[in-house]
C-alpha atoms as a PDB file:
ATOM      1  CA  MET A   1     -55.047  -6.739 -22.567  1.00  0.00           C
ATOM      2  CA  ASP A   2     -53.850  -3.516 -24.237  1.00  0.00           C
ATOM      3  CA  HIS A   3     -50.605  -3.085 -22.271  1.00  0.00           C
ATOM      4  CA  PRO A   4     -47.550  -5.379 -22.395  1.00  0.00           C
ATOM      5  CA  CYS A   5     -46.725  -7.263 -19.203  1.00  0.00           C
ATOM      6  CA  LYS A   6     -43.220  -5.800 -19.095  1.00  0.00           C
ATOM      7  CA  ALA A   7     -44.616  -2.270 -18.887  1.00  0.00           C
ATOM      8  CA  ILE A   8     -47.026  -3.231 -16.136  1.00  0.00           C
ATOM      9  CA  GLN A   9     -44.331  -5.059 -14.135  1.00  0.00           C
ATOM     10  CA  GLU A  10     -42.075  -2.002 -14.348  1.00  0.00           C
ATOM     11  CA  LEU A  11     -44.883   0.083 -12.817  1.00  0.00           C
ATOM     12  CA  ILE A  12     -45.940  -2.368 -10.098  1.00  0.00           C
ATOM     13  CA  PRO A  13     -43.242  -1.272  -7.527  1.00  0.00           C
ATOM     14  CA  LEU A  14     -44.413   2.328  -8.005  1.00  0.00           C
ATOM     15  CA  TYR A  15     -48.033   1.171  -7.779  1.00  0.00           C
ATOM     16  CA  LEU A  16     -47.306  -0.439  -4.396  1.00  0.00           C
ATOM     17  CA  LYS A  17     -45.624   2.761  -3.178  1.00  0.00           C
ATOM     18  CA  TYR A  18     -48.541   4.966  -4.370  1.00  0.00           C
ATOM     19  CA  GLU A  19     -46.215   6.948  -6.639  1.00  0.00           C
ATOM     20  CA  ILE A  20     -48.259   6.896  -9.843  1.00  0.00           C
ATOM     21  CA  SER A  21     -51.421   8.722 -10.833  1.00  0.00           C
ATOM     22  CA  GLN A  22     -54.910   7.359 -10.216  1.00  0.00           C
ATOM     23  CA  GLU A  23     -55.339   6.786 -13.950  1.00  0.00           C
ATOM     24  CA  SER A  24     -52.146   4.720 -14.080  1.00  0.00           C
ATOM     25  CA  ARG A  25     -53.213   2.768 -10.972  1.00  0.00           C
ATOM     26  CA  GLN A  26     -56.446   1.894 -12.752  1.00  0.00           C
ATOM     27  CA  ILE A  27     -54.496   0.648 -15.785  1.00  0.00           C
ATOM     28  CA  VAL A  28     -52.355  -1.590 -13.537  1.00  0.00           C
ATOM     29  CA  GLU A  29     -55.383  -2.922 -11.634  1.00  0.00           C
ATOM     30  CA  GLU A  30     -57.335  -3.711 -14.815  1.00  0.00           C
ATOM     31  CA  HIS A  31     -54.326  -5.522 -16.274  1.00  0.00           C
ATOM     32  CA  ILE A  32     -53.567  -7.685 -13.223  1.00  0.00           C
ATOM     33  CA  SER A  33     -57.233  -8.653 -12.939  1.00  0.00           C
ATOM     34  CA  GLU A  34     -56.865 -10.349 -16.335  1.00  0.00           C
ATOM     35  CA  CYS A  35     -53.217 -11.443 -16.266  1.00  0.00           C
ATOM     36  CA  GLU A  36     -52.210 -14.328 -14.000  1.00  0.00           C
ATOM     37  CA  GLU A  37     -48.473 -13.712 -14.535  1.00  0.00           C
ATOM     38  CA  CYS A  38     -48.621 -10.024 -13.500  1.00  0.00           C
ATOM     39  CA  SER A  39     -50.958 -10.840 -10.638  1.00  0.00           C
ATOM     40  CA  ARG A  40     -48.388 -13.307  -9.321  1.00  0.00           C
ATOM     41  CA  PHE A  41     -45.633 -10.712  -9.859  1.00  0.00           C
ATOM     42  CA  LEU A  42     -47.653  -8.253  -7.762  1.00  0.00           C
ATOM     43  CA  ASP A  43     -48.084 -10.787  -4.946  1.00  0.00           C
ATOM     44  CA  GLU A  44     -44.357 -11.542  -4.858  1.00  0.00           C
ATOM     45  CA  CYS A  45     -43.141  -7.934  -5.126  1.00  0.00           C
ATOM     46  CA  ASP A  46     -41.927  -6.403  -1.856  1.00  0.00           C
ATOM     47  CA  PRO A  47     -42.103  -2.580  -2.128  1.00  0.00           C
ATOM     48  CA  ASP A  48     -39.614  -2.109   0.726  1.00  0.00           C
ATOM     49  CA  THR A  49     -36.821  -4.074  -0.958  1.00  0.00           C
ATOM     50  CA  CYS A  50     -37.677  -3.782  -4.625  1.00  0.00           C
ATOM     51  CA  GLU A  51     -34.945  -1.825  -6.350  1.00  0.00           C
ATOM     52  CA  LEU A  52     -36.089   0.625  -9.014  1.00  0.00           C
ATOM     53  CA  SER A  53     -33.778   0.945 -11.996  1.00  0.00           C
ATOM     54  CA  PRO A  54     -32.997   4.426 -13.362  1.00  0.00           C
ATOM     55  CA  TRP A  55     -35.466   5.716 -15.944  1.00  0.00           C
ATOM     56  CA  GLU A  56     -32.753   5.827 -18.626  1.00  0.00           C
ATOM     57  CA  GLU A  57     -32.095   2.111 -18.100  1.00  0.00           C
ATOM     58  CA  ARG A  58     -35.804   1.368 -18.313  1.00  0.00           C
ATOM     59  CA  LEU A  59     -36.087   3.190 -21.637  1.00  0.00           C
ATOM     60  CA  THR A  60     -33.098   1.215 -22.999  1.00  0.00           C
ATOM     61  CA  LYS A  61     -34.719  -2.038 -21.886  1.00  0.00           C
ATOM     62  CA  ALA A  62     -38.010  -0.978 -23.455  1.00  0.00           C
ATOM     63  CA  ALA A  63     -36.328  -0.514 -26.822  1.00  0.00           C
ATOM     64  CA  THR A  64     -34.879  -4.043 -26.831  1.00  0.00           C
ATOM     65  CA  ILE A  65     -37.835  -6.089 -25.583  1.00  0.00           C
ATOM     66  CA  GLU A  66     -38.111  -9.349 -27.479  1.00  0.00           C
ATOM     67  CA  GLY A  67     -41.060 -11.621 -28.105  1.00  0.00           C
ATOM     68  CA  PRO A  68     -44.633 -10.474 -28.697  1.00  0.00           C
ATOM     69  CA  VAL A  69     -43.894  -6.880 -27.732  1.00  0.00           C
ATOM     70  CA  LYS A  70     -41.146  -6.642 -30.341  1.00  0.00           C
ATOM     71  CA  ARG A  71     -43.526  -7.978 -32.980  1.00  0.00           C
ATOM     72  CA  GLN A  72     -46.156  -5.423 -32.077  1.00  0.00           C
ATOM     73  CA  LYS A  73     -44.602  -2.132 -33.072  1.00  0.00           C
ATOM     74  CA  SER A  74     -47.594  -0.075 -32.037  1.00  0.00           C
ATOM     75  CA  ASN A  75     -47.541  -1.589 -28.560  1.00  0.00           C
ATOM     76  CA  LEU A  76     -43.822  -0.899 -28.241  1.00  0.00           C
ATOM     77  CA  VAL A  77     -44.263   2.750 -29.219  1.00  0.00           C
ATOM     78  CA  TYR A  78     -47.144   2.997 -26.775  1.00  0.00           C
ATOM     79  CA  TYR A  79     -45.019   1.392 -24.040  1.00  0.00           C
ATOM     80  CA  ILE A  80     -42.106   3.811 -24.504  1.00  0.00           C
ATOM     81  CA  THR A  81     -44.486   6.770 -24.627  1.00  0.00           C
ATOM     82  CA  THR A  82     -46.198   5.548 -21.460  1.00  0.00           C
ATOM     83  CA  ILE A  83     -42.891   5.220 -19.624  1.00  0.00           C
ATOM     84  CA  ILE A  84     -41.862   8.757 -20.637  1.00  0.00           C
ATOM     85  CA  LEU A  85     -45.205  10.125 -19.510  1.00  0.00           C
ATOM     86  CA  MET A  86     -44.961   8.171 -16.264  1.00  0.00           C
ATOM     87  CA  ALA A  87     -41.542   9.704 -15.642  1.00  0.00           C
ATOM     88  CA  ALA A  88     -43.026  13.166 -16.032  1.00  0.00           C
ATOM     89  CA  VAL A  89     -46.050  12.378 -13.856  1.00  0.00           C
ATOM     90  CA  ILE A  90     -43.935  10.748 -11.157  1.00  0.00           C
ATOM     91  CA  GLY A  91     -41.616  13.748 -11.214  1.00  0.00           C
ATOM     92  CA  ILE A  92     -44.549  16.005 -10.378  1.00  0.00           C
ATOM     93  CA  ILE A  93     -46.035  13.654  -7.783  1.00  0.00           C
ATOM     94  CA  SER A  94     -42.625  13.012  -6.255  1.00  0.00           C
ATOM     95  CA  TYR A  95     -42.101  16.731  -5.723  1.00  0.00           C
ATOM     96  CA  GLN A  96     -45.438  16.992  -3.957  1.00  0.00           C
ATOM     97  CA  MET A  97     -44.801  13.907  -1.804  1.00  0.00           C
ATOM     98  CA  GLY A  98     -41.266  14.829  -0.821  1.00  0.00           C
ATOM     99  CA  LEU A  99     -39.495  12.255  -2.998  1.00  0.00           C
ATOM    100  CA  LYS A 100     -36.108  13.801  -3.736  1.00  0.00           C
ATOM    101  CA  HIS A 101     -32.698  12.769  -4.869  1.00  0.00           C
ATOM    102  CA  ARG A 102     -29.988  12.361  -2.278  1.00  0.00           C
ATOM    103  CA  THR A 103     -28.820  15.960  -2.957  1.00  0.00           C
ATOM    104  CA  ASP A 104     -32.052  17.315  -1.452  1.00  0.00           C
ATOM    105  CA  LEU A 105     -30.633  18.437   1.892  1.00  0.00           C
ATOM    106  CA  ILE A 106     -31.575  21.063   4.437  1.00  0.00           C
ATOM    107  CA  SER A 107     -29.231  23.187   6.516  1.00  0.00           C
ATOM    108  CA  ALA A 108     -28.976  24.345  10.106  1.00  0.00           C
ATOM    109  CA  LYS A 109     -30.021  27.754   8.799  1.00  0.00           C
ATOM    110  CA  ASP A 110     -33.262  26.222   7.459  1.00  0.00           C
ATOM    111  CA  ALA A 111     -33.978  24.710  10.867  1.00  0.00           C
ATOM    112  CA  TYR A 112     -33.133  27.981  12.632  1.00  0.00           C
ATOM    113  CA  GLY A 113     -35.524  29.933  10.393  1.00  0.00           C
ATOM    114  CA  ALA A 114     -38.366  27.441  10.874  1.00  0.00           C
ATOM    115  CA  LEU A 115     -38.000  27.422  14.675  1.00  0.00           C
ATOM    116  CA  GLU A 116     -37.844  31.224  14.844  1.00  0.00           C
ATOM    117  CA  SER A 117     -40.920  31.563  12.605  1.00  0.00           C
ATOM    118  CA  LYS A 118     -42.893  29.461  15.096  1.00  0.00           C
ATOM    119  CA  GLY A 119     -41.980  31.753  17.978  1.00  0.00           C
ATOM    120  CA  LEU A 120     -39.018  29.856  19.429  1.00  0.00           C
ATOM    121  CA  GLU A 121     -36.470  32.664  19.764  1.00  0.00           C
ATOM    122  CA  LEU A 122     -32.860  31.533  19.473  1.00  0.00           C
ATOM    123  CA  SER A 123     -29.502  33.189  19.990  1.00  0.00           C
ATOM    124  CA  GLN A 124     -26.670  33.347  17.488  1.00  0.00           C
ATOM    125  CA  LYS A 125     -25.186  29.975  16.656  1.00  0.00           C
ATOM    126  CA  PHE A 126     -21.783  28.616  17.586  1.00  0.00           C
ATOM    127  CA  GLU A 127     -20.091  25.413  16.504  1.00  0.00           C
ATOM    128  CA  SER A 128     -19.312  23.150  19.428  1.00  0.00           C
ATOM    129  CA  SER A 129     -15.811  21.762  19.893  1.00  0.00           C
ATOM    130  CA  ASP A 130     -16.806  19.462  22.768  1.00  0.00           C
ATOM    131  CA  PRO A 131     -15.988  15.879  21.669  1.00  0.00           C
ATOM    132  CA  ASP A 132     -18.533  14.515  24.165  1.00  0.00           C
ATOM    133  CA  LEU A 133     -21.293  16.051  22.024  1.00  0.00           C
ATOM    134  CA  ALA A 134     -20.165  14.350  18.810  1.00  0.00           C
ATOM    135  CA  ILE A 135     -22.359  11.757  17.094  1.00  0.00           C
ATOM    136  CA  ALA A 136     -20.594   9.545  14.555  1.00  0.00           C
ATOM    137  CA  GLY A 137     -17.846  12.136  14.429  1.00  0.00           C
ATOM    138  CA  VAL A 138     -20.238  15.032  13.721  1.00  0.00           C
ATOM    139  CA  LEU A 139     -20.189  17.995  16.112  1.00  0.00           C
ATOM    140  CA  PRO A 140     -23.376  20.042  16.506  1.00  0.00           C
ATOM    141  CA  ILE A 141     -24.187  23.640  15.783  1.00  0.00           C
ATOM    142  CA  VAL A 142     -25.625  24.997  19.044  1.00  0.00           C
ATOM    143  CA  TYR A 143     -28.284  27.668  19.561  1.00  0.00           C
ATOM    144  CA  GLN A 144     -29.248  29.055  22.960  1.00  0.00           C
ATOM    145  CA  VAL A 145     -33.001  29.233  23.621  1.00  0.00           C
ATOM    146  CA  ALA A 146     -33.982  32.752  24.688  1.00  0.00           C
ATOM    147  CA  ASP A 147     -35.244  33.347  28.250  1.00  0.00           C
ATOM    148  CA  SER A 148     -33.955  29.974  29.405  1.00  0.00           C
ATOM    149  CA  LYS A 149     -30.818  27.957  29.978  1.00  0.00           C
ATOM    150  CA  ASP A 150     -31.863  25.406  27.370  1.00  0.00           C
ATOM    151  CA  SER A 151     -30.177  24.931  24.011  1.00  0.00           C
ATOM    152  CA  ILE A 152     -30.868  23.264  20.662  1.00  0.00           C
ATOM    153  CA  LEU A 153     -28.153  21.139  19.061  1.00  0.00           C
ATOM    154  CA  ILE A 154     -28.297  20.629  15.301  1.00  0.00           C
ATOM    155  CA  TYR A 155     -26.242  17.835  13.734  1.00  0.00           C
ATOM    156  CA  VAL A 156     -25.738  18.178   9.981  1.00  0.00           C
ATOM    157  CA  PHE A 157     -25.086  14.966   8.015  1.00  0.00           C
ATOM    158  CA  ASP A 158     -24.196  14.576   4.357  1.00  0.00           C
ATOM    159  CA  SER A 159     -27.356  12.660   3.447  1.00  0.00           C
ATOM    160  CA  VAL A 160     -30.623  11.301   4.818  1.00  0.00           C
ATOM    161  CA  GLY A 161     -29.165   7.811   4.667  1.00  0.00           C
ATOM    162  CA  GLU A 162     -26.142   8.800   6.735  1.00  0.00           C
ATOM    163  CA  ARG A 163     -28.338  10.420   9.377  1.00  0.00           C
ATOM    164  CA  ARG A 164     -30.527   7.317   9.515  1.00  0.00           C
ATOM    165  CA  GLY A 165     -27.467   5.132   9.910  1.00  0.00           C
ATOM    166  CA  VAL A 166     -25.946   6.847  12.936  1.00  0.00           C
ATOM    167  CA  ASN A 167     -26.485   5.739  16.494  1.00  0.00           C
ATOM    168  CA  GLU A 168     -29.101   8.115  17.827  1.00  0.00           C
ATOM    169  CA  ASN A 169     -28.551   7.021  21.420  1.00  0.00           C
ATOM    170  CA  ILE A 170     -27.372  10.398  22.693  1.00  0.00           C
ATOM    171  CA  GLY A 171     -28.812  10.212  26.177  1.00  0.00           C
ATOM    172  CA  THR A 172     -25.345  10.520  27.712  1.00  0.00           C
ATOM    173  CA  ILE A 173     -25.176  14.147  26.564  1.00  0.00           C
ATOM    174  CA  GLY A 174     -27.890  15.144  29.015  1.00  0.00           C
ATOM    175  CA  PRO A 175     -31.711  15.443  29.153  1.00  0.00           C
ATOM    176  CA  LEU A 176     -32.544  15.632  25.452  1.00  0.00           C
ATOM    177  CA  VAL A 177     -35.527  15.501  23.137  1.00  0.00           C
ATOM    178  CA  TYR A 178     -34.169  14.587  19.716  1.00  0.00           C
ATOM    179  CA  ARG A 179     -35.979  14.783  16.388  1.00  0.00           C
ATOM    180  CA  PRO A 180     -34.852  13.795  12.858  1.00  0.00           C
ATOM    181  CA  ALA A 181     -35.368  16.136   9.919  1.00  0.00           C
ATOM    182  CA  ARG A 182     -34.091  14.908   6.554  1.00  0.00           C
ATOM    183  CA  ASN A 183     -30.283  14.984   6.878  1.00  0.00           C
ATOM    184  CA  LEU A 184     -30.428  16.807  10.237  1.00  0.00           C
ATOM    185  CA  LEU A 185     -30.715  15.494  13.765  1.00  0.00           C
ATOM    186  CA  LEU A 186     -31.971  18.085  16.232  1.00  0.00           C
ATOM    187  CA  ALA A 187     -31.713  17.738  19.997  1.00  0.00           C
ATOM    188  CA  TYR A 188     -33.422  19.993  22.523  1.00  0.00           C
ATOM    189  CA  GLN A 189     -31.192  20.045  25.614  1.00  0.00           C
ATOM    190  CA  ILE A 190     -33.033  20.811  28.833  1.00  0.00           C
ATOM    191  CA  THR A 191     -31.238  22.345  31.784  1.00  0.00           C
ATOM    192  CA  ILE A 192     -32.840  20.754  34.834  1.00  0.00           C
ATOM    193  CA  PRO A 193     -33.241  23.097  37.843  1.00  0.00           C
ATOM    194  CA  GLU A 194     -31.710  22.064  41.142  1.00  0.00           C
ATOM    195  CA  THR A 195     -34.980  22.046  43.091  1.00  0.00           C
ATOM    196  CA  ARG A 196     -38.488  20.812  42.405  1.00  0.00           C
ATOM    197  CA  GLU A 197     -39.849  24.270  43.180  1.00  0.00           C
ATOM    198  CA  GLU A 198     -37.709  25.783  40.443  1.00  0.00           C
ATOM    199  CA  TYR A 199     -38.818  23.108  38.001  1.00  0.00           C
ATOM    200  CA  GLU A 200     -42.495  23.719  38.748  1.00  0.00           C
ATOM    201  CA  SER A 201     -41.946  27.430  38.142  1.00  0.00           C
ATOM    202  CA  ILE A 202     -40.463  26.904  34.663  1.00  0.00           C
ATOM    203  CA  LYS A 203     -42.610  23.910  33.678  1.00  0.00           C
ATOM    204  CA  PRO A 204     -45.366  25.824  31.771  1.00  0.00           C
ATOM    205  CA  ALA A 205     -42.840  27.781  29.687  1.00  0.00           C
ATOM    206  CA  LEU A 206     -40.767  24.637  29.075  1.00  0.00           C
ATOM    207  CA  GLU A 207     -43.801  22.698  27.870  1.00  0.00           C
ATOM    208  CA  THR A 208     -44.710  25.544  25.496  1.00  0.00           C
ATOM    209  CA  ARG A 209     -41.176  25.637  24.063  1.00  0.00           C
ATOM    210  CA  LEU A 210     -41.095  21.837  23.615  1.00  0.00           C
ATOM    211  CA  GLU A 211     -44.452  21.875  21.845  1.00  0.00           C
ATOM    212  CA  LYS A 212     -43.202  24.526  19.405  1.00  0.00           C
ATOM    213  CA  TYR A 213     -40.000  22.552  18.886  1.00  0.00           C
ATOM    214  CA  ASN A 214     -41.782  19.230  18.289  1.00  0.00           C
ATOM    215  CA  ASN A 215     -44.395  20.667  15.937  1.00  0.00           C
ATOM    216  CA  THR A 216     -41.863  22.680  13.950  1.00  0.00           C
ATOM    217  CA  VAL A 217     -39.552  19.728  13.332  1.00  0.00           C
ATOM    218  CA  LEU A 218     -42.196  17.051  12.764  1.00  0.00           C
ATOM    219  CA  VAL A 219     -44.651  19.095  10.701  1.00  0.00           C
ATOM    220  CA  ASP A 220     -42.751  22.031   9.146  1.00  0.00           C
ATOM    221  CA  LEU A 221     -39.184  20.844   8.544  1.00  0.00           C
ATOM    222  CA  ASN A 222     -40.379  17.377   7.521  1.00  0.00           C
ATOM    223  CA  GLN A 223     -43.489  18.619   5.674  1.00  0.00           C
ATOM    224  CA  GLY A 224     -45.509  16.352   7.950  1.00  0.00           C
ATOM    225  CA  GLN A 225     -49.169  16.137   8.838  1.00  0.00           C
ATOM    226  CA  THR A 226     -51.331  15.910  11.933  1.00  0.00           C
ATOM    227  CA  VAL A 227     -54.454  13.768  12.258  1.00  0.00           C
ATOM    228  CA  VAL A 228     -56.883  13.645  15.159  1.00  0.00           C
ATOM    229  CA  LEU A 229     -58.987  10.563  15.933  1.00  0.00           C
ATOM    230  CA  ALA A 230     -61.812  10.816  18.456  1.00  0.00           C
ATOM    231  CA  GLY A 231     -64.873   8.955  19.639  1.00  0.00           C
ATOM    232  CA  ASP A 232     -66.987   8.079  22.672  1.00  0.00           C
ATOM    233  CA  SER A 233     -69.402   5.620  24.252  1.00  0.00           C
ATOM    234  CA  ASP A 234     -71.942   5.921  27.049  1.00  0.00           C
ATOM    235  CA  ASN A 235     -69.275   6.126  29.750  1.00  0.00           C
ATOM    236  CA  TRP A 236     -65.984   6.798  27.959  1.00  0.00           C
ATOM    237  CA  GLN A 237     -64.474   9.274  25.545  1.00  0.00           C
ATOM    238  CA  GLY A 238     -61.131   9.169  23.793  1.00  0.00           C
ATOM    239  CA  GLU A 239     -58.859  11.135  21.525  1.00  0.00           C
ATOM    240  CA  ILE A 240     -55.515  10.411  19.849  1.00  0.00           C
ATOM    241  CA  THR A 241     -53.453  12.986  17.934  1.00  0.00           C
ATOM    242  CA  ILE A 242     -50.741  11.754  15.564  1.00  0.00           C
ATOM    243  CA  SER A 243     -48.104  14.072  14.084  1.00  0.00           C
ATOM    244  CA  TYR A 244     -46.112  12.250  11.442  1.00  0.00           C
ATOM    245  CA  TYR A 245     -44.110  12.499   8.257  1.00  0.00           C
ATOM    246  CA  GLN A 246     -43.322  10.102   5.420  1.00  0.00           C
ATOM    247  CA  TYR A 247     -40.397  11.182   3.288  1.00  0.00           C
ATOM    248  CA  TRP A 248     -39.300   9.312   0.175  1.00  0.00           C
ATOM    249  CA  TYR A 249     -35.708   9.781  -0.915  1.00  0.00           C
ATOM    250  CA  MET A 250     -33.079   8.187  -3.158  1.00  0.00           C
ATOM    251  CA  ASN A 251     -30.135   6.610  -1.368  1.00  0.00           C
ATOM    252  CA  GLU A 252     -26.556   6.356  -2.611  1.00  0.00           C
ATOM    253  CA  LYS A 253     -27.507   3.311  -4.740  1.00  0.00           C
ATOM    254  CA  ASP A 254     -30.413   5.156  -6.396  1.00  0.00           C
ATOM    255  CA  VAL A 255     -32.904   2.984  -4.517  1.00  0.00           C
ATOM    256  CA  THR A 256     -36.084   4.640  -3.294  1.00  0.00           C
ATOM    257  CA  CYS A 257     -36.308   4.515   0.522  1.00  0.00           C
ATOM    258  CA  LEU A 258     -38.803   5.702   3.100  1.00  0.00           C
ATOM    259  CA  ASP A 259     -37.885   7.840   6.100  1.00  0.00           C
ATOM    260  CA  SER A 260     -40.818   8.181   8.477  1.00  0.00           C
ATOM    261  CA  TYR A 261     -41.614   9.092  12.061  1.00  0.00           C
ATOM    262  CA  ALA A 262     -44.732   9.538  14.170  1.00  0.00           C
ATOM    263  CA  TRP A 263     -45.501  11.062  17.530  1.00  0.00           C
ATOM    264  CA  GLU A 264     -48.747   9.930  19.088  1.00  0.00           C
ATOM    265  CA  LYS A 265     -50.416  11.325  22.190  1.00  0.00           C
ATOM    266  CA  GLY A 266     -53.928  10.956  23.546  1.00  0.00           C
ATOM    267  CA  PHE A 267     -56.249   9.875  26.329  1.00  0.00           C
ATOM    268  CA  LEU A 268     -59.177   7.683  27.330  1.00  0.00           C
ATOM    269  CA  ARG A 269     -61.389   9.356  29.936  1.00  0.00           C
ATOM    270  CA  TYR A 270     -64.190   7.956  32.078  1.00  0.00           C
ATOM    271  CA  THR A 271     -67.318  10.151  31.918  1.00  0.00           C
ATOM    272  CA  GLY A 272     -69.690   7.906  33.868  1.00  0.00           C
ATOM    273  CA  THR A 273     -70.987   8.216  37.426  1.00  0.00           C
ATOM    274  CA  ASP A 274     -69.328   5.284  39.244  1.00  0.00           C
ATOM    275  CA  PRO A 275     -67.270   6.718  42.114  1.00  0.00           C
ATOM    276  CA  GLU A 276     -64.524   4.105  41.667  1.00  0.00           C
ATOM    277  CA  LEU A 277     -63.339   1.833  38.866  1.00  0.00           C
ATOM    278  CA  ALA A 278     -62.704  -1.747  39.993  1.00  0.00           C
ATOM    279  CA  ASN A 279     -61.518  -4.726  37.912  1.00  0.00           C
ATOM    280  CA  PHE A 280     -60.457  -2.223  35.294  1.00  0.00           C
ATOM    281  CA  SER A 281     -58.739  -2.978  31.963  1.00  0.00           C
ATOM    282  CA  TYR A 282     -58.547  -1.489  28.488  1.00  0.00           C
ATOM    283  CA  GLU A 283     -57.494  -2.470  24.959  1.00  0.00           C
ATOM    284  CA  VAL A 284     -56.587  -0.120  22.093  1.00  0.00           C
ATOM    285  CA  SER A 285     -56.300  -1.744  18.636  1.00  0.00           C
ATOM    286  CA  PRO A 286     -55.375   0.221  15.474  1.00  0.00           C
ATOM    287  CA  ASN A 287     -56.668  -1.024  12.124  1.00  0.00           C
ATOM    288  CA  VAL A 288     -53.149  -0.661  10.663  1.00  0.00           C
ATOM    289  CA  GLY A 289     -49.749   0.329  12.072  1.00  0.00           C
ATOM    290  CA  GLY A 290     -49.881   2.577  15.098  1.00  0.00           C
ATOM    291  CA  TRP A 291     -49.367   1.483  18.678  1.00  0.00           C
ATOM    292  CA  GLY A 292     -51.711  -1.135  20.023  1.00  0.00           C
ATOM    293  CA  ARG A 293     -51.793  -1.197  23.794  1.00  0.00           C
ATOM    294  CA  SER A 294     -53.576  -2.632  26.780  1.00  0.00           C
ATOM    295  CA  GLY A 295     -53.367  -2.306  30.542  1.00  0.00           C
ATOM    296  CA  ASN A 296     -55.120  -1.997  33.846  1.00  0.00           C
ATOM    297  CA  ILE A 297     -53.659   1.203  35.298  1.00  0.00           C
ATOM    298  CA  THR A 298     -55.334   4.615  35.250  1.00  0.00           C
ATOM    299  CA  SER A 299     -54.177   8.083  36.199  1.00  0.00           C
ATOM    300  CA  TYR A 300     -55.825  11.353  37.175  1.00  0.00           C
ATOM    301  CA  HIS A 301     -57.680  10.015  40.217  1.00  0.00           C
ATOM    302  CA  GLY A 302     -58.275   6.670  38.522  1.00  0.00           C
ATOM    303  CA  ARG A 303     -60.490   8.051  35.764  1.00  0.00           C
ATOM    304  CA  GLU A 304     -58.141   8.544  32.783  1.00  0.00           C
ATOM    305  CA  ILE A 305     -55.460   6.814  30.707  1.00  0.00           C
ATOM    306  CA  LYS A 306     -52.909   8.927  28.844  1.00  0.00           C
ATOM    307  CA  PHE A 307     -50.766   7.928  25.850  1.00  0.00           C
ATOM    308  CA  ASN A 308     -47.494   9.356  24.622  1.00  0.00           C
ATOM    309  CA  GLU A 309     -45.648   7.197  22.082  1.00  0.00           C
ATOM    310  CA  GLU A 310     -43.308   7.819  19.190  1.00  0.00           C
ATOM    311  CA  GLY A 311     -41.425   5.847  16.586  1.00  0.00           C
ATOM    312  CA  HIS A 312     -41.708   4.570  13.011  1.00  0.00           C
ATOM    313  CA  GLY A 313     -44.496   6.275  11.059  1.00  0.00           C
ATOM    314  CA  ALA A 314     -44.880   4.278   7.853  1.00  0.00           C
ATOM    315  CA  PHE A 315     -48.466   3.230   8.616  1.00  0.00           C
ATOM    316  CA  ILE A 316     -50.938   5.692  10.132  1.00  0.00           C
ATOM    317  CA  PRO A 317     -54.240   4.249  11.423  1.00  0.00           C
ATOM    318  CA  ASP A 318     -57.567   5.829  10.558  1.00  0.00           C
ATOM    319  CA  ILE A 319     -59.460   3.781  13.160  1.00  0.00           C
ATOM    320  CA  TYR A 320     -58.657   2.727  16.723  1.00  0.00           C
ATOM    321  CA  HIS A 321     -60.983   0.170  18.256  1.00  0.00           C
ATOM    322  CA  ILE A 322     -61.387   0.643  22.023  1.00  0.00           C
ATOM    323  CA  ARG A 323     -62.565  -1.931  24.554  1.00  0.00           C
ATOM    324  CA  MET A 324     -63.086  -0.876  28.186  1.00  0.00           C
ATOM    325  CA  ARG A 325     -63.896  -3.158  31.117  1.00  0.00           C
ATOM    326  CA  TRP A 326     -64.706  -1.961  34.661  1.00  0.00           C
ATOM    327  CA  ASN A 327     -67.067  -2.805  37.537  1.00  0.00           C
ATOM    328  CA  SER A 328     -68.401  -5.876  35.666  1.00  0.00           C
ATOM    329  CA  GLN A 329     -69.278  -3.642  32.708  1.00  0.00           C
ATOM    330  CA  GLU A 330     -67.868  -3.545  29.177  1.00  0.00           C
ATOM    331  CA  GLU A 331     -68.093  -1.009  26.353  1.00  0.00           C
ATOM    332  CA  GLU A 332     -66.559  -0.877  22.883  1.00  0.00           C
ATOM    333  CA  PHE A 333     -66.273   2.085  20.531  1.00  0.00           C
ATOM    334  CA  ASP A 334     -64.085   3.467  17.752  1.00  0.00           C
ATOM    335  CA  LEU A 335     -61.867   6.509  17.452  1.00  0.00           C
ATOM    336  CA  THR A 336     -62.129   7.817  13.893  1.00  0.00           C
ATOM    337  CA  VAL A 337     -60.530  10.685  11.978  1.00  0.00           C
ATOM    338  CA  ARG A 338     -62.166  14.057  12.657  1.00  0.00           C
END
């Protein structure tokens, strides 16, 4: 083995978090395939709780390693050089992935500009003084949504960690759709009409505004992504769209943390010829993460199931296995990334 175990063990937490280059991953994998000690270290390492020491501390430790590494000067020089190069590589990769220090914050002005650029016209801002709108002592900056009575509340926190730590149960403020964005918490406040007729008249415009709001916050402000999974069988077709982000940041203790969120919507639709579906049930199983589900209720005249889920987005499936049962028949198929 050409690389000292200490160097490999320093890189293993980053290996588990996919924060090193492919070449470095290959070095780690080749080493642990031959080294029982590092293989065991890999098995026992939890990437969610493993604290990463500052690079300066690692370099200091590297210079005082005792034992075989100390006796092999060439290996020690190689180790220190590798660590320095890894720091540079990780710096580049971290920028691309969204890994920032705790000072990497965004402002209400950033959110305003992103929403406006996506066609959601907003009025001038004002800072609310209503204590009922406060979350953890933070009052929102409020923008009125043009051509409606709706508004967008933007709460600005001092860090991503502080925003993650607040109680996001703000349902008492009114009908809200809230979305996190780094150190911001945005809430779209809907003004509900007094009659159903009025609601039906504004529903198309409201849905368009909410779609722009959701996509802007999840994809643009959070530098997120959208994946579509689709598939079909003889009598069924399905599609699931997942908008998500995964944002790595450094907390106040200089520990790397993951902030993630996902919004999943989709459908399973019967395309066969049976006039009615009896003894109906379905199962949806992701290969990793995601929302598994099952049930026996359909909508849209008994021929469709719709999904709309959101929550933690650390693991995004690339396959959903579908099992449908109806009228003494059964079909299975997969939804895959398109």
